[in-house]
Amino acid sequence: MQDIDPYEIILHPYVTEKTMEAITKNNTLEFIVKRDANKLQIKEAIEKAFNVKVESVNTKITKRGKHAIVKLKPEYSAEEVGMRIGIF
């Protein structure tokens, strides 16, 4: 597979009260991603951009764009990633 720039896929974090709660309860982060990105590309982009391992990726399309709900593996902290990218 070609070497991708993760920031071509990850557009920006999506932050609401609900997503903030999910960070602490479910170890998940939510991002707005490129509409034509698939789950594997999203997973690789998140792992490369934030130096973490992803357990699962779910996507949904809304009027705001394509959302990726990314669950990190238990040994990685979504809160720590959130702090690094300035959510908190």
PDB file of N, CA and C in Angstrom:
ATOM      1  N   MET A   1       0.837  -1.198   0.000  1.00  0.00           N
ATOM      2  CA  MET A   1       0.000   0.000   0.000  1.00  0.00           C
ATOM      3  C   MET A   1       0.875   1.252   0.000  1.00  0.00           C
ATOM      4  N   GLN A   2       0.400   2.266  -0.687  1.00  0.00           N
ATOM      5  CA  GLN A   2       1.189   3.495  -0.765  1.00  0.00           C
ATOM      6  C   GLN A   2       1.228   4.209   0.584  1.00  0.00           C
ATOM      7  N   ASP A   3       2.272   4.990   0.795  1.00  0.00           N
ATOM      8  CA  ASP A   3       2.428   5.725   2.039  1.00  0.00           C
ATOM      9  C   ASP A   3       1.492   6.926   2.022  1.00  0.00           C
ATOM     10  N   ILE A   4       0.549   6.956   2.950  1.00  0.00           N
ATOM     11  CA  ILE A   4      -0.441   8.034   2.970  1.00  0.00           C
ATOM     12  C   ILE A   4      -0.082   9.093   4.005  1.00  0.00           C
ATOM     13  N   ASP A   5      -0.504  10.311   3.753  1.00  0.00           N
ATOM     14  CA  ASP A   5      -0.388  11.372   4.737  1.00  0.00           C
ATOM     15  C   ASP A   5      -1.659  11.309   5.577  1.00  0.00           C
ATOM     16  N   PRO A   6      -1.527  11.001   6.881  1.00  0.00           N
ATOM     17  CA  PRO A   6      -2.734  10.834   7.696  1.00  0.00           C
ATOM     18  C   PRO A   6      -3.624  12.081   7.706  1.00  0.00           C
ATOM     19  N   TYR A   7      -3.018  13.248   7.513  1.00  0.00           N
ATOM     20  CA  TYR A   7      -3.815  14.482   7.581  1.00  0.00           C
ATOM     21  C   TYR A   7      -4.585  14.753   6.295  1.00  0.00           C
ATOM     22  N   GLU A   8      -4.386  13.904   5.278  1.00  0.00           N
ATOM     23  CA  GLU A   8      -5.256  13.975   4.102  1.00  0.00           C
ATOM     24  C   GLU A   8      -6.560  13.239   4.390  1.00  0.00           C
ATOM     25  N   ILE A   9      -6.517  12.325   5.346  1.00  0.00           N
ATOM     26  CA  ILE A   9      -7.707  11.535   5.705  1.00  0.00           C
ATOM     27  C   ILE A   9      -8.412  12.145   6.915  1.00  0.00           C
ATOM     28  N   ILE A  10      -7.653  12.474   7.958  1.00  0.00           N
ATOM     29  CA  ILE A  10      -8.233  13.049   9.177  1.00  0.00           C
ATOM     30  C   ILE A  10      -8.363  14.557   8.960  1.00  0.00           C
ATOM     31  N   LEU A  11      -9.585  15.056   8.911  1.00  0.00           N
ATOM     32  CA  LEU A  11      -9.769  16.491   8.701  1.00  0.00           C
ATOM     33  C   LEU A  11      -9.663  17.248  10.022  1.00  0.00           C
ATOM     34  N   HIS A  12     -10.418  16.837  11.039  1.00  0.00           N
ATOM     35  CA  HIS A  12     -10.305  17.444  12.363  1.00  0.00           C
ATOM     36  C   HIS A  12     -11.074  16.627  13.387  1.00  0.00           C
ATOM     37  N   PRO A  13     -10.743  16.821  14.694  1.00  0.00           N
ATOM     38  CA  PRO A  13     -11.493  16.111  15.728  1.00  0.00           C
ATOM     39  C   PRO A  13     -12.916  16.663  15.809  1.00  0.00           C
ATOM     40  N   TYR A  14     -13.847  15.832  16.218  1.00  0.00           N
ATOM     41  CA  TYR A  14     -15.229  16.259  16.405  1.00  0.00           C
ATOM     42  C   TYR A  14     -15.493  16.202  17.904  1.00  0.00           C
ATOM     43  N   VAL A  15     -15.788  17.366  18.501  1.00  0.00           N
ATOM     44  CA  VAL A  15     -15.901  17.446  19.952  1.00  0.00           C
ATOM     45  C   VAL A  15     -17.273  17.987  20.352  1.00  0.00           C
ATOM     46  N   THR A  16     -17.998  17.188  21.120  1.00  0.00           N
ATOM     47  CA  THR A  16     -19.253  17.609  21.743  1.00  0.00           C
ATOM     48  C   THR A  16     -19.236  17.062  23.169  1.00  0.00           C
ATOM     49  N   GLU A  17     -20.256  17.398  23.963  1.00  0.00           N
ATOM     50  CA  GLU A  17     -20.329  16.822  25.307  1.00  0.00           C
ATOM     51  C   GLU A  17     -20.381  15.305  25.233  1.00  0.00           C
ATOM     52  N   LYS A  18     -21.136  14.798  24.268  1.00  0.00           N
ATOM     53  CA  LYS A  18     -21.274  13.349  24.114  1.00  0.00           C
ATOM     54  C   LYS A  18     -19.930  12.698  23.756  1.00  0.00           C
ATOM     55  N   THR A  19     -19.176  13.309  22.838  1.00  0.00           N
ATOM     56  CA  THR A  19     -17.883  12.715  22.471  1.00  0.00           C
ATOM     57  C   THR A  19     -16.878  12.845  23.617  1.00  0.00           C
ATOM     58  N   MET A  20     -16.992  13.902  24.413  1.00  0.00           N
ATOM     59  CA  MET A  20     -16.096  14.058  25.573  1.00  0.00           C
ATOM     60  C   MET A  20     -16.355  12.937  26.585  1.00  0.00           C
ATOM     61  N   GLU A  21     -17.631  12.609  26.777  1.00  0.00           N
ATOM     62  CA  GLU A  21     -17.989  11.528  27.686  1.00  0.00           C
ATOM     63  C   GLU A  21     -17.460  10.191  27.160  1.00  0.00           C
ATOM     64  N   ALA A  22     -17.552   9.982  25.849  1.00  0.00           N
ATOM     65  CA  ALA A  22     -17.083   8.736  25.239  1.00  0.00           C
ATOM     66  C   ALA A  22     -15.566   8.580  25.377  1.00  0.00           C
ATOM     67  N   ILE A  23     -14.842   9.695  25.395  1.00  0.00           N
ATOM     68  CA  ILE A  23     -13.386   9.628  25.564  1.00  0.00           C
ATOM     69  C   ILE A  23     -13.063   8.943  26.888  1.00  0.00           C
ATOM     70  N   THR A  24     -13.726   9.355  27.959  1.00  0.00           N
ATOM     71  CA  THR A  24     -13.417   8.794  29.275  1.00  0.00           C
ATOM     72  C   THR A  24     -14.069   7.432  29.489  1.00  0.00           C
ATOM     73  N   LYS A  25     -15.313   7.256  29.036  1.00  0.00           N
ATOM     74  CA  LYS A  25     -16.030   5.996  29.293  1.00  0.00           C
ATOM     75  C   LYS A  25     -15.619   4.861  28.362  1.00  0.00           C
ATOM     76  N   ASN A  26     -15.445   5.150  27.081  1.00  0.00           N
ATOM     77  CA  ASN A  26     -15.251   4.096  26.088  1.00  0.00           C
ATOM     78  C   ASN A  26     -13.870   4.071  25.446  1.00  0.00           C
ATOM     79  N   ASN A  27     -12.995   5.027  25.835  1.00  0.00           N
ATOM     80  CA  ASN A  27     -11.665   5.131  25.227  1.00  0.00           C
ATOM     81  C   ASN A  27     -11.767   5.331  23.710  1.00  0.00           C
ATOM     82  N   THR A  28     -12.725   6.184  23.299  1.00  0.00           N
ATOM     83  CA  THR A  28     -12.914   6.468  21.877  1.00  0.00           C
ATOM     84  C   THR A  28     -12.699   7.937  21.581  1.00  0.00           C
ATOM     85  N   LEU A  29     -12.311   8.204  20.350  1.00  0.00           N
ATOM     86  CA  LEU A  29     -12.184   9.564  19.834  1.00  0.00           C
ATOM     87  C   LEU A  29     -13.036   9.656  18.577  1.00  0.00           C
ATOM     88  N   GLU A  30     -13.530  10.850  18.280  1.00  0.00           N
ATOM     89  CA  GLU A  30     -14.329  11.002  17.065  1.00  0.00           C
ATOM     90  C   GLU A  30     -13.697  12.084  16.195  1.00  0.00           C
ATOM     91  N   PHE A  31     -13.616  11.769  14.910  1.00  0.00           N
ATOM     92  CA  PHE A  31     -13.003  12.687  13.951  1.00  0.00           C
ATOM     93  C   PHE A  31     -13.924  12.858  12.753  1.00  0.00           C
ATOM     94  N   ILE A  32     -13.806  14.018  12.111  1.00  0.00           N
ATOM     95  CA  ILE A  32     -14.392  14.196  10.793  1.00  0.00           C
ATOM     96  C   ILE A  32     -13.290  13.785   9.816  1.00  0.00           C
ATOM     97  N   VAL A  33     -13.629  12.892   8.901  1.00  0.00           N
ATOM     98  CA  VAL A  33     -12.630  12.359   7.972  1.00  0.00           C
ATOM     99  C   VAL A  33     -13.084  12.570   6.534  1.00  0.00           C
ATOM    100  N   LYS A  34     -12.148  12.327   5.619  1.00  0.00           N
ATOM    101  CA  LYS A  34     -12.459  12.441   4.195  1.00  0.00           C
ATOM    102  C   LYS A  34     -13.563  11.456   3.835  1.00  0.00           C
ATOM    103  N   ARG A  35     -14.539  11.913   3.083  1.00  0.00           N
ATOM    104  CA  ARG A  35     -15.729  11.122   2.796  1.00  0.00           C
ATOM    105  C   ARG A  35     -15.419   9.799   2.096  1.00  0.00           C
ATOM    106  N   ASP A  36     -14.401   9.777   1.253  1.00  0.00           N
ATOM    107  CA  ASP A  36     -14.122   8.542   0.515  1.00  0.00           C
ATOM    108  C   ASP A  36     -13.094   7.629   1.205  1.00  0.00           C
ATOM    109  N   ALA A  37     -12.710   7.966   2.442  1.00  0.00           N
ATOM    110  CA  ALA A  37     -11.763   7.123   3.177  1.00  0.00           C
ATOM    111  C   ALA A  37     -12.482   5.897   3.734  1.00  0.00           C
ATOM    112  N   ASN A  38     -11.850   4.728   3.608  1.00  0.00           N
ATOM    113  CA  ASN A  38     -12.460   3.525   4.197  1.00  0.00           C
ATOM    114  C   ASN A  38     -11.919   3.302   5.609  1.00  0.00           C
ATOM    115  N   LYS A  39     -12.519   2.313   6.308  1.00  0.00           N
ATOM    116  CA  LYS A  39     -12.156   2.081   7.707  1.00  0.00           C
ATOM    117  C   LYS A  39     -10.682   1.726   7.879  1.00  0.00           C
ATOM    118  N   LEU A  40     -10.138   0.938   6.971  1.00  0.00           N
ATOM    119  CA  LEU A  40      -8.735   0.560   7.065  1.00  0.00           C
ATOM    120  C   LEU A  40      -7.836   1.793   6.913  1.00  0.00           C
ATOM    121  N   GLN A  41      -8.150   2.660   5.950  1.00  0.00           N
ATOM    122  CA  GLN A  41      -7.351   3.884   5.760  1.00  0.00           C
ATOM    123  C   GLN A  41      -7.452   4.779   6.994  1.00  0.00           C
ATOM    124  N   ILE A  42      -8.642   4.881   7.567  1.00  0.00           N
ATOM    125  CA  ILE A  42      -8.831   5.709   8.764  1.00  0.00           C
ATOM    126  C   ILE A  42      -8.001   5.138   9.914  1.00  0.00           C
ATOM    127  N   LYS A  43      -8.078   3.823  10.104  1.00  0.00           N
ATOM    128  CA  LYS A  43      -7.313   3.166  11.168  1.00  0.00           C
ATOM    129  C   LYS A  43      -5.819   3.440  11.011  1.00  0.00           C
ATOM    130  N   GLU A  44      -5.304   3.243   9.798  1.00  0.00           N
ATOM    131  CA  GLU A  44      -3.871   3.467   9.558  1.00  0.00           C
ATOM    132  C   GLU A  44      -3.494   4.929   9.776  1.00  0.00           C
ATOM    133  N   ALA A  45      -4.358   5.845   9.359  1.00  0.00           N
ATOM    134  CA  ALA A  45      -4.066   7.274   9.519  1.00  0.00           C
ATOM    135  C   ALA A  45      -4.016   7.657  10.997  1.00  0.00           C
ATOM    136  N   ILE A  46      -4.968   7.158  11.797  1.00  0.00           N
ATOM    137  CA  ILE A  46      -4.993   7.462  13.235  1.00  0.00           C
ATOM    138  C   ILE A  46      -3.762   6.875  13.915  1.00  0.00           C
ATOM    139  N   GLU A  47      -3.439   5.620  13.579  1.00  0.00           N
ATOM    140  CA  GLU A  47      -2.269   4.977  14.203  1.00  0.00           C
ATOM    141  C   GLU A  47      -0.983   5.726  13.867  1.00  0.00           C
ATOM    142  N   LYS A  48      -0.874   6.170  12.636  1.00  0.00           N
ATOM    143  CA  LYS A  48       0.334   6.874  12.191  1.00  0.00           C
ATOM    144  C   LYS A  48       0.406   8.286  12.790  1.00  0.00           C
ATOM    145  N   ALA A  49      -0.721   8.987  12.784  1.00  0.00           N
ATOM    146  CA  ALA A  49      -0.725  10.382  13.246  1.00  0.00           C
ATOM    147  C   ALA A  49      -0.497  10.501  14.750  1.00  0.00           C
ATOM    148  N   PHE A  50      -1.082   9.572  15.526  1.00  0.00           N
ATOM    149  CA  PHE A  50      -1.052   9.724  16.988  1.00  0.00           C
ATOM    150  C   PHE A  50      -0.230   8.660  17.702  1.00  0.00           C
ATOM    151  N   ASN A  51       0.431   7.782  16.929  1.00  0.00           N
ATOM    152  CA  ASN A  51       1.297   6.757  17.502  1.00  0.00           C
ATOM    153  C   ASN A  51       0.557   5.895  18.532  1.00  0.00           C
ATOM    154  N   VAL A  52      -0.617   5.397  18.123  1.00  0.00           N
ATOM    155  CA  VAL A  52      -1.441   4.530  18.972  1.00  0.00           C
ATOM    156  C   VAL A  52      -1.855   3.305  18.164  1.00  0.00           C
ATOM    157  N   LYS A  53      -2.489   2.349  18.823  1.00  0.00           N
ATOM    158  CA  LYS A  53      -3.071   1.190  18.143  1.00  0.00           C
ATOM    159  C   LYS A  53      -4.587   1.292  18.249  1.00  0.00           C
ATOM    160  N   VAL A  54      -5.265   1.067  17.140  1.00  0.00           N
ATOM    161  CA  VAL A  54      -6.718   1.186  17.071  1.00  0.00           C
ATOM    162  C   VAL A  54      -7.358  -0.190  17.182  1.00  0.00           C
ATOM    163  N   GLU A  55      -8.366  -0.289  18.046  1.00  0.00           N
ATOM    164  CA  GLU A  55      -9.104  -1.548  18.200  1.00  0.00           C
ATOM    165  C   GLU A  55     -10.199  -1.653  17.142  1.00  0.00           C
ATOM    166  N   SER A  56     -10.947  -0.554  16.941  1.00  0.00           N
ATOM    167  CA  SER A  56     -12.028  -0.598  15.947  1.00  0.00           C
ATOM    168  C   SER A  56     -12.332   0.798  15.418  1.00  0.00           C
ATOM    169  N   VAL A  57     -12.938   0.826  14.235  1.00  0.00           N
ATOM    170  CA  VAL A  57     -13.368   2.084  13.610  1.00  0.00           C
ATOM    171  C   VAL A  57     -14.812   1.892  13.154  1.00  0.00           C
ATOM    172  N   ASN A  58     -15.670   2.810  13.573  1.00  0.00           N
ATOM    173  CA  ASN A  58     -17.036   2.854  13.057  1.00  0.00           C
ATOM    174  C   ASN A  58     -17.201   4.172  12.337  1.00  0.00           C
ATOM    175  N   THR A  59     -17.993   4.181  11.290  1.00  0.00           N
ATOM    176  CA  THR A  59     -18.197   5.426  10.557  1.00  0.00           C
ATOM    177  C   THR A  59     -19.683   5.693  10.394  1.00  0.00           C
ATOM    178  N   LYS A  60     -19.988   6.968  10.265  1.00  0.00           N
ATOM    179  CA  LYS A  60     -21.354   7.378   9.931  1.00  0.00           C
ATOM    180  C   LYS A  60     -21.252   8.655   9.126  1.00  0.00           C
ATOM    181  N   ILE A  61     -22.191   8.841   8.227  1.00  0.00           N
ATOM    182  CA  ILE A  61     -22.189  10.045   7.406  1.00  0.00           C
ATOM    183  C   ILE A  61     -23.339  10.934   7.859  1.00  0.00           C
ATOM    184  N   THR A  62     -23.004  12.189   8.158  1.00  0.00           N
ATOM    185  CA  THR A  62     -24.005  13.164   8.576  1.00  0.00           C
ATOM    186  C   THR A  62     -23.881  14.382   7.680  1.00  0.00           C
ATOM    187  N   LYS A  63     -24.710  15.360   7.937  1.00  0.00           N
ATOM    188  CA  LYS A  63     -24.619  16.574   7.120  1.00  0.00           C
ATOM    189  C   LYS A  63     -23.318  17.337   7.378  1.00  0.00           C
ATOM    190  N   ARG A  64     -22.657  17.044   8.499  1.00  0.00           N
ATOM    191  CA  ARG A  64     -21.360  17.676   8.778  1.00  0.00           C
ATOM    192  C   ARG A  64     -20.209  16.960   8.089  1.00  0.00           C
ATOM    193  N   GLY A  65     -20.467  15.789   7.527  1.00  0.00           N
ATOM    194  CA  GLY A  65     -19.408  15.031   6.863  1.00  0.00           C
ATOM    195  C   GLY A  65     -19.347  13.622   7.399  1.00  0.00           C
ATOM    196  N   LYS A  66     -18.273  12.939   7.097  1.00  0.00           N
ATOM    197  CA  LYS A  66     -18.102  11.556   7.542  1.00  0.00           C
ATOM    198  C   LYS A  66     -17.425  11.554   8.908  1.00  0.00           C
ATOM    199  N   HIS A  67     -18.080  10.920   9.867  1.00  0.00           N
ATOM    200  CA  HIS A  67     -17.547  10.806  11.222  1.00  0.00           C
ATOM    201  C   HIS A  67     -16.896   9.447  11.372  1.00  0.00           C
ATOM    202  N   ALA A  68     -15.741   9.421  12.006  1.00  0.00           N
ATOM    203  CA  ALA A  68     -15.097   8.161  12.360  1.00  0.00           C
ATOM    204  C   ALA A  68     -15.025   8.089  13.878  1.00  0.00           C
ATOM    205  N   ILE A  69     -15.666   7.071  14.429  1.00  0.00           N
ATOM    206  CA  ILE A  69     -15.590   6.835  15.866  1.00  0.00           C
ATOM    207  C   ILE A  69     -14.516   5.777  16.052  1.00  0.00           C
ATOM    208  N   VAL A  70     -13.411   6.178  16.679  1.00  0.00           N
ATOM    209  CA  VAL A  70     -12.219   5.342  16.752  1.00  0.00           C
ATOM    210  C   VAL A  70     -12.005   4.881  18.188  1.00  0.00           C
ATOM    211  N   LYS A  71     -12.082   3.564  18.404  1.00  0.00           N
ATOM    212  CA  LYS A  71     -11.830   2.988  19.725  1.00  0.00           C
ATOM    213  C   LYS A  71     -10.378   2.535  19.770  1.00  0.00           C
ATOM    214  N   LEU A  72      -9.658   3.042  20.777  1.00  0.00           N
ATOM    215  CA  LEU A  72      -8.247   2.686  20.923  1.00  0.00           C
ATOM    216  C   LEU A  72      -8.114   1.382  21.714  1.00  0.00           C
ATOM    217  N   LYS A  73      -7.009   0.692  21.502  1.00  0.00           N
ATOM    218  CA  LYS A  73      -6.727  -0.519  22.283  1.00  0.00           C
ATOM    219  C   LYS A  73      -6.551  -0.108  23.743  1.00  0.00           C
ATOM    220  N   PRO A  74      -6.864  -1.031  24.684  1.00  0.00           N
ATOM    221  CA  PRO A  74      -6.866  -0.679  26.115  1.00  0.00           C
ATOM    222  C   PRO A  74      -5.557  -0.088  26.637  1.00  0.00           C
ATOM    223  N   GLU A  75      -4.432  -0.467  26.023  1.00  0.00           N
ATOM    224  CA  GLU A  75      -3.150   0.048  26.535  1.00  0.00           C
ATOM    225  C   GLU A  75      -2.881   1.501  26.122  1.00  0.00           C
ATOM    226  N   TYR A  76      -3.760   2.076  25.296  1.00  0.00           N
ATOM    227  CA  TYR A  76      -3.614   3.474  24.882  1.00  0.00           C
ATOM    228  C   TYR A  76      -4.762   4.295  25.453  1.00  0.00           C
ATOM    229  N   SER A  77      -4.473   5.536  25.788  1.00  0.00           N
ATOM    230  CA  SER A  77      -5.472   6.389  26.427  1.00  0.00           C
ATOM    231  C   SER A  77      -6.010   7.435  25.451  1.00  0.00           C
ATOM    232  N   ALA A  78      -7.318   7.406  25.227  1.00  0.00           N
ATOM    233  CA  ALA A  78      -7.950   8.417  24.375  1.00  0.00           C
ATOM    234  C   ALA A  78      -7.812   9.796  25.019  1.00  0.00           C
ATOM    235  N   GLU A  79      -7.853   9.838  26.366  1.00  0.00           N
ATOM    236  CA  GLU A  79      -7.686  11.130  27.059  1.00  0.00           C
ATOM    237  C   GLU A  79      -6.317  11.723  26.765  1.00  0.00           C
ATOM    238  N   GLU A  80      -5.294  10.872  26.777  1.00  0.00           N
ATOM    239  CA  GLU A  80      -3.931  11.348  26.533  1.00  0.00           C
ATOM    240  C   GLU A  80      -3.796  11.885  25.099  1.00  0.00           C
ATOM    241  N   VAL A  81      -4.384  11.167  24.148  1.00  0.00           N
ATOM    242  CA  VAL A  81      -4.364  11.640  22.753  1.00  0.00           C
ATOM    243  C   VAL A  81      -5.140  12.946  22.662  1.00  0.00           C
ATOM    244  N   GLY A  82      -6.290  13.008  23.331  1.00  0.00           N
ATOM    245  CA  GLY A  82      -7.100  14.231  23.340  1.00  0.00           C
ATOM    246  C   GLY A  82      -6.311  15.431  23.856  1.00  0.00           C
ATOM    247  N   MET A  83      -5.525  15.203  24.897  1.00  0.00           N
ATOM    248  CA  MET A  83      -4.703  16.304  25.439  1.00  0.00           C
ATOM    249  C   MET A  83      -3.652  16.732  24.430  1.00  0.00           C
ATOM    250  N   ARG A  84      -3.038  15.746  23.753  1.00  0.00           N
ATOM    251  CA  ARG A  84      -2.006  16.068  22.775  1.00  0.00           C
ATOM    252  C   ARG A  84      -2.552  16.892  21.630  1.00  0.00           C
ATOM    253  N   ILE A  85      -3.814  16.632  21.208  1.00  0.00           N
ATOM    254  CA  ILE A  85      -4.362  17.365  20.071  1.00  0.00           C
ATOM    255  C   ILE A  85      -5.193  18.567  20.491  1.00  0.00           C
ATOM    256  N   GLY A  86      -5.222  18.839  21.809  1.00  0.00           N
ATOM    257  CA  GLY A  86      -5.839  20.079  22.293  1.00  0.00           C
ATOM    258  C   GLY A  86      -7.344  20.038  22.479  1.00  0.00           C
ATOM    259  N   ILE A  87      -7.929  18.845  22.694  1.00  0.00           N
ATOM    260  CA  ILE A  87      -9.365  18.777  22.951  1.00  0.00           C
ATOM    261  C   ILE A  87      -9.675  19.293  24.353  1.00  0.00           C
ATOM    262  N   PHE A  88      -8.784  18.988  25.319  1.00  0.00           N
ATOM    263  CA  PHE A  88      -9.037  19.400  26.711  1.00  0.00           C
ATOM    264  C   PHE A  88      -8.456  20.755  27.002  1.00  0.00           C
TER     265      PHE A  88
END
